[in-house]
Amino acid sequence: MALTKSGFAVVLCAALFAAFCAHADDSPEDINKRVGNGNPVDGNDKAALCKGCHGEVGISVSPNIPKLAGQYAEYIQRQIFNFQEGTRRDTNMTEISATLTNRRNLADISAYFASQNMMQGMPVKNDEGERIYLEKGCMNCHGEIGKGKPAYNALFPVIGGQYKEYLVKQMKDFKTGARDTDISGIMGLLANQMTDSEIEAVAEFLSGR
């Protein structure tokens, strides 16, 4: 039987990352791996401007601004490059990213946020969102509860514990094509197979992890 686009996406993702079984955590080893080649101590001071929106340790106050605590440093850097290139757009981030031309500074800033304890959400239970998350195969790329795969796999971001509002916006942007920066191309395919209510449910499930 022929695979649908969404089915193909799930199979592809599973095939690529089936070997990475455990999710990342805050063990010293995993923190060291997700920090990458940056210096988090130096990044503490260099991240002063970023902290104004994303919080002192990467836990932002506004649900429209993503948490960065425990996010892969390499993933953070790649998003900055996307904003610089114009392939991802946000009024504030486009302007700020233009100032981050020094690769060492960017690596250090990213390492600082990556070195923090991983983002956590307020406990919330959404069985429907969990079911959809598992059925769509999202855990093959983002981990069983959205906490990522092992710390050396920075291709896909940590999303467990992220704000629901932010997750909903990103999913809808992938759905409409407003955001098209996923290296694998899977996010657009999956988002287009989900209704707005399904997106809301999955986002709520993930926000409580």
Protein backbone atom coordinates (compact mmCIF):
# COMPACT_ATOMS: atom_id res chain seq x y z
CA MET A 1 0.00 0.00 0.00
CA ALA A 2 1.36 3.42 -0.96
CA LEU A 3 2.44 5.77 1.80
CA THR A 4 0.81 9.18 2.21
CA LYS A 5 3.08 12.20 2.49
CA SER A 6 2.67 12.22 6.25
CA GLY A 7 3.31 8.48 6.43
CA PHE A 8 6.45 8.86 4.37
CA ALA A 9 7.63 11.65 6.67
CA VAL A 10 7.18 9.49 9.75
CA VAL A 11 8.98 6.54 8.18
CA LEU A 12 11.84 8.75 7.01
CA CYS A 13 12.24 10.35 10.41
CA ALA A 14 12.12 6.99 12.16
CA ALA A 15 14.69 5.52 9.81
CA LEU A 16 17.07 8.41 10.30
CA PHE A 17 16.89 8.49 14.07
CA ALA A 18 15.80 5.06 15.25
CA ALA A 19 19.24 4.51 16.77
CA PHE A 20 18.79 7.42 19.16
CA CYS A 21 16.51 5.80 21.73
CA ALA A 22 16.89 7.85 24.91
CA HIS A 23 15.92 11.47 25.32
CA ALA A 24 18.44 14.07 26.39
CA ASP A 25 18.63 15.14 30.01
CA ASP A 26 20.59 17.35 32.36
CA SER A 27 23.39 14.98 33.18
CA PRO A 28 26.84 16.65 33.09
CA GLU A 29 27.69 14.57 30.03
CA ASP A 30 24.59 15.60 28.10
CA ILE A 31 24.95 19.26 29.06
CA ASN A 32 28.54 19.22 27.88
CA LYS A 33 27.50 17.69 24.55
CA ARG A 34 24.67 20.10 23.82
CA VAL A 35 26.90 23.08 24.69
CA GLY A 36 29.07 22.31 21.66
CA ASN A 37 32.26 24.26 21.08
CA GLY A 38 31.20 27.47 22.81
CA ASN A 39 32.21 28.75 26.23
CA PRO A 40 29.14 29.17 28.46
CA VAL A 41 31.06 31.19 31.05
CA ASP A 42 32.04 33.79 28.46
CA GLY A 43 28.57 33.56 26.98
CA ASN A 44 26.96 34.65 30.24
CA ASP A 45 28.12 38.24 29.78
CA LYS A 46 27.79 38.22 26.00
CA ALA A 47 24.14 37.15 26.27
CA ALA A 48 23.09 40.33 28.11
CA LEU A 49 20.94 41.61 25.23
CA CYS A 50 19.34 38.20 24.68
CA LYS A 51 18.41 37.90 28.35
CA GLY A 52 16.22 40.98 28.05
CA CYS A 53 13.65 38.92 26.12
CA HIS A 54 14.59 35.29 26.76
CA GLY A 55 15.24 35.59 30.48
CA GLU A 56 18.33 35.39 32.67
CA VAL A 57 18.69 31.64 32.25
CA GLY A 58 16.66 31.26 29.06
CA ILE A 59 13.19 31.16 30.61
CA SER A 60 11.28 34.00 28.99
CA VAL A 61 8.31 35.69 30.66
CA SER A 62 6.21 36.13 27.52
CA PRO A 63 4.64 32.96 26.08
CA ASN A 64 5.27 34.34 22.59
CA ILE A 65 9.03 34.35 23.16
CA PRO A 66 10.65 30.90 23.21
CA LYS A 67 12.47 29.44 26.16
CA LEU A 68 16.12 28.72 25.35
CA ALA A 69 17.15 26.93 28.54
CA GLY A 70 18.70 23.58 27.67
CA GLN A 71 18.21 24.07 23.94
CA TYR A 72 20.95 22.68 21.69
CA ALA A 73 23.61 25.34 21.08
CA GLU A 74 23.96 24.25 17.48
CA TYR A 75 20.22 24.62 16.94
CA ILE A 76 20.20 28.13 18.44
CA GLN A 77 23.06 29.14 16.14
CA ARG A 78 21.29 27.76 13.10
CA GLN A 79 18.20 29.83 13.86
CA ILE A 80 20.31 32.98 14.11
CA PHE A 81 21.81 32.19 10.71
CA ASN A 82 18.29 31.74 9.33
CA PHE A 83 17.26 35.16 10.63
CA GLN A 84 20.42 36.69 9.16
CA GLU A 85 19.73 35.10 5.78
CA GLY A 86 16.08 36.10 5.83
CA THR A 87 14.81 32.53 5.54
CA ARG A 88 13.17 32.98 8.92
CA ARG A 89 11.54 36.30 9.79
CA ASP A 90 10.74 38.13 13.00
CA THR A 91 10.94 41.90 13.42
CA ASN A 92 12.98 41.84 16.62
CA MET A 93 15.12 38.79 15.89
CA THR A 94 16.01 39.90 12.39
CA GLU A 95 17.38 43.14 13.80
CA ILE A 96 19.20 41.52 16.72
CA SER A 97 20.66 38.68 14.66
CA ALA A 98 22.28 41.24 12.36
CA THR A 99 24.52 42.25 15.29
CA LEU A 100 25.72 38.67 15.90
CA THR A 101 28.27 38.47 13.13
CA ASN A 102 31.11 37.26 15.36
CA ARG A 103 30.89 33.47 15.23
CA ARG A 104 32.78 33.03 18.52
CA ASN A 105 30.40 35.32 20.36
CA LEU A 106 27.40 33.50 18.92
CA ALA A 107 28.86 30.12 19.90
CA ASP A 108 29.46 31.33 23.45
CA ILE A 109 25.98 32.84 23.81
CA SER A 110 24.37 29.66 22.49
CA ALA A 111 26.52 27.58 24.82
CA TYR A 112 25.39 29.65 27.80
CA PHE A 113 21.71 28.92 27.19
CA ALA A 114 22.44 25.29 26.29
CA SER A 115 24.25 24.84 29.61
CA GLN A 116 21.18 25.70 31.66
CA ASN A 117 18.85 23.09 33.09
CA MET A 118 16.40 22.07 30.40
CA MET A 119 13.17 24.03 30.10
CA GLN A 120 10.23 22.69 32.09
CA GLY A 121 6.54 23.35 31.70
CA MET A 122 3.69 23.68 34.17
CA PRO A 123 2.15 20.22 34.63
CA VAL A 124 -0.79 19.75 32.27
CA LYS A 125 -2.42 16.58 30.99
CA ASN A 126 -3.73 16.30 27.46
CA ASP A 127 -4.27 12.70 26.45
CA GLU A 128 -5.46 13.65 22.98
CA GLY A 129 -2.35 15.72 22.36
CA GLU A 130 -0.12 12.89 23.57
CA ARG A 131 -1.93 10.42 21.32
CA ILE A 132 -1.51 12.61 18.25
CA TYR A 133 2.13 13.30 19.10
CA LEU A 134 2.87 9.58 19.26
CA GLU A 135 0.73 8.60 16.27
CA LYS A 136 2.37 11.23 14.06
CA GLY A 137 5.78 9.88 15.02
CA CYS A 138 6.96 13.19 16.48
CA MET A 139 8.98 11.34 19.13
CA ASN A 140 11.23 9.90 16.41
CA CYS A 141 12.79 13.33 16.01
CA HIS A 142 11.99 15.23 19.21
CA GLY A 143 12.09 12.44 21.78
CA GLU A 144 9.35 10.66 23.69
CA ILE A 145 8.27 13.76 25.62
CA GLY A 146 9.79 16.45 23.44
CA LYS A 147 13.03 16.68 25.38
CA GLY A 148 15.13 15.92 22.36
CA LYS A 149 17.21 12.92 21.49
CA PRO A 150 20.68 12.40 22.92
CA ALA A 151 22.56 15.65 23.32
CA TYR A 152 24.69 15.10 20.23
CA ASN A 153 21.64 15.16 17.95
CA ALA A 154 20.96 18.88 17.52
CA LEU A 155 19.17 18.61 14.19
CA PHE A 156 15.77 18.90 15.87
CA PRO A 157 15.04 21.19 18.84
CA VAL A 158 13.94 20.49 22.38
CA ILE A 159 10.22 21.33 22.48
CA GLY A 160 9.02 19.65 25.68
CA GLY A 161 8.38 22.35 28.26
CA GLN A 162 8.19 25.10 25.65
CA TYR A 163 5.30 27.59 25.78
CA LYS A 164 2.10 26.37 24.16
CA GLU A 165 1.50 29.70 22.40
CA TYR A 166 4.93 29.65 20.81
CA LEU A 167 4.58 26.04 19.67
CA VAL A 168 1.18 26.71 18.12
CA LYS A 169 2.53 29.68 16.17
CA GLN A 170 5.50 27.72 14.83
CA MET A 171 3.32 24.79 13.76
CA LYS A 172 0.90 27.10 11.99
CA ASP A 173 3.82 28.90 10.32
CA PHE A 174 5.11 25.55 9.05
CA LYS A 175 1.58 24.76 7.87
CA THR A 176 1.20 27.97 5.89
CA GLY A 177 4.79 28.07 4.67
CA ALA A 178 5.55 31.26 6.63
CA ARG A 179 8.36 29.26 8.19
CA ASP A 180 10.26 26.91 5.91
CA THR A 181 13.58 26.35 7.65
CA ASP A 182 13.28 22.70 8.62
CA ILE A 183 16.28 20.90 7.15
CA SER A 184 14.41 17.60 6.83
CA GLY A 185 11.30 19.12 5.26
CA ILE A 186 9.15 16.97 7.54
CA MET A 187 7.55 19.71 9.63
CA GLY A 188 5.63 21.26 6.76
CA LEU A 189 4.29 17.87 5.68
CA LEU A 190 3.16 16.92 9.16
CA ALA A 191 1.69 20.32 10.02
CA ASN A 192 -0.45 20.21 6.88
CA GLN A 193 -1.89 16.88 7.99
CA MET A 194 -3.06 18.38 11.30
CA THR A 195 -6.11 20.47 12.08
CA ASP A 196 -5.79 23.61 14.19
CA SER A 197 -7.39 21.79 17.13
CA GLU A 198 -4.88 18.94 16.81
CA ILE A 199 -2.02 21.44 16.78
CA GLU A 200 -3.44 23.06 19.92
CA ALA A 201 -3.71 19.68 21.65
CA VAL A 202 -0.16 18.61 20.81
CA ALA A 203 1.21 22.00 21.86
CA GLU A 204 -0.58 21.79 25.19
CA PHE A 205 0.73 18.26 25.79
CA LEU A 206 4.30 19.36 25.07
CA SER A 207 4.03 22.56 27.12
CA GLY A 208 3.47 20.52 30.26
CA ARG A 209 6.54 18.32 29.92
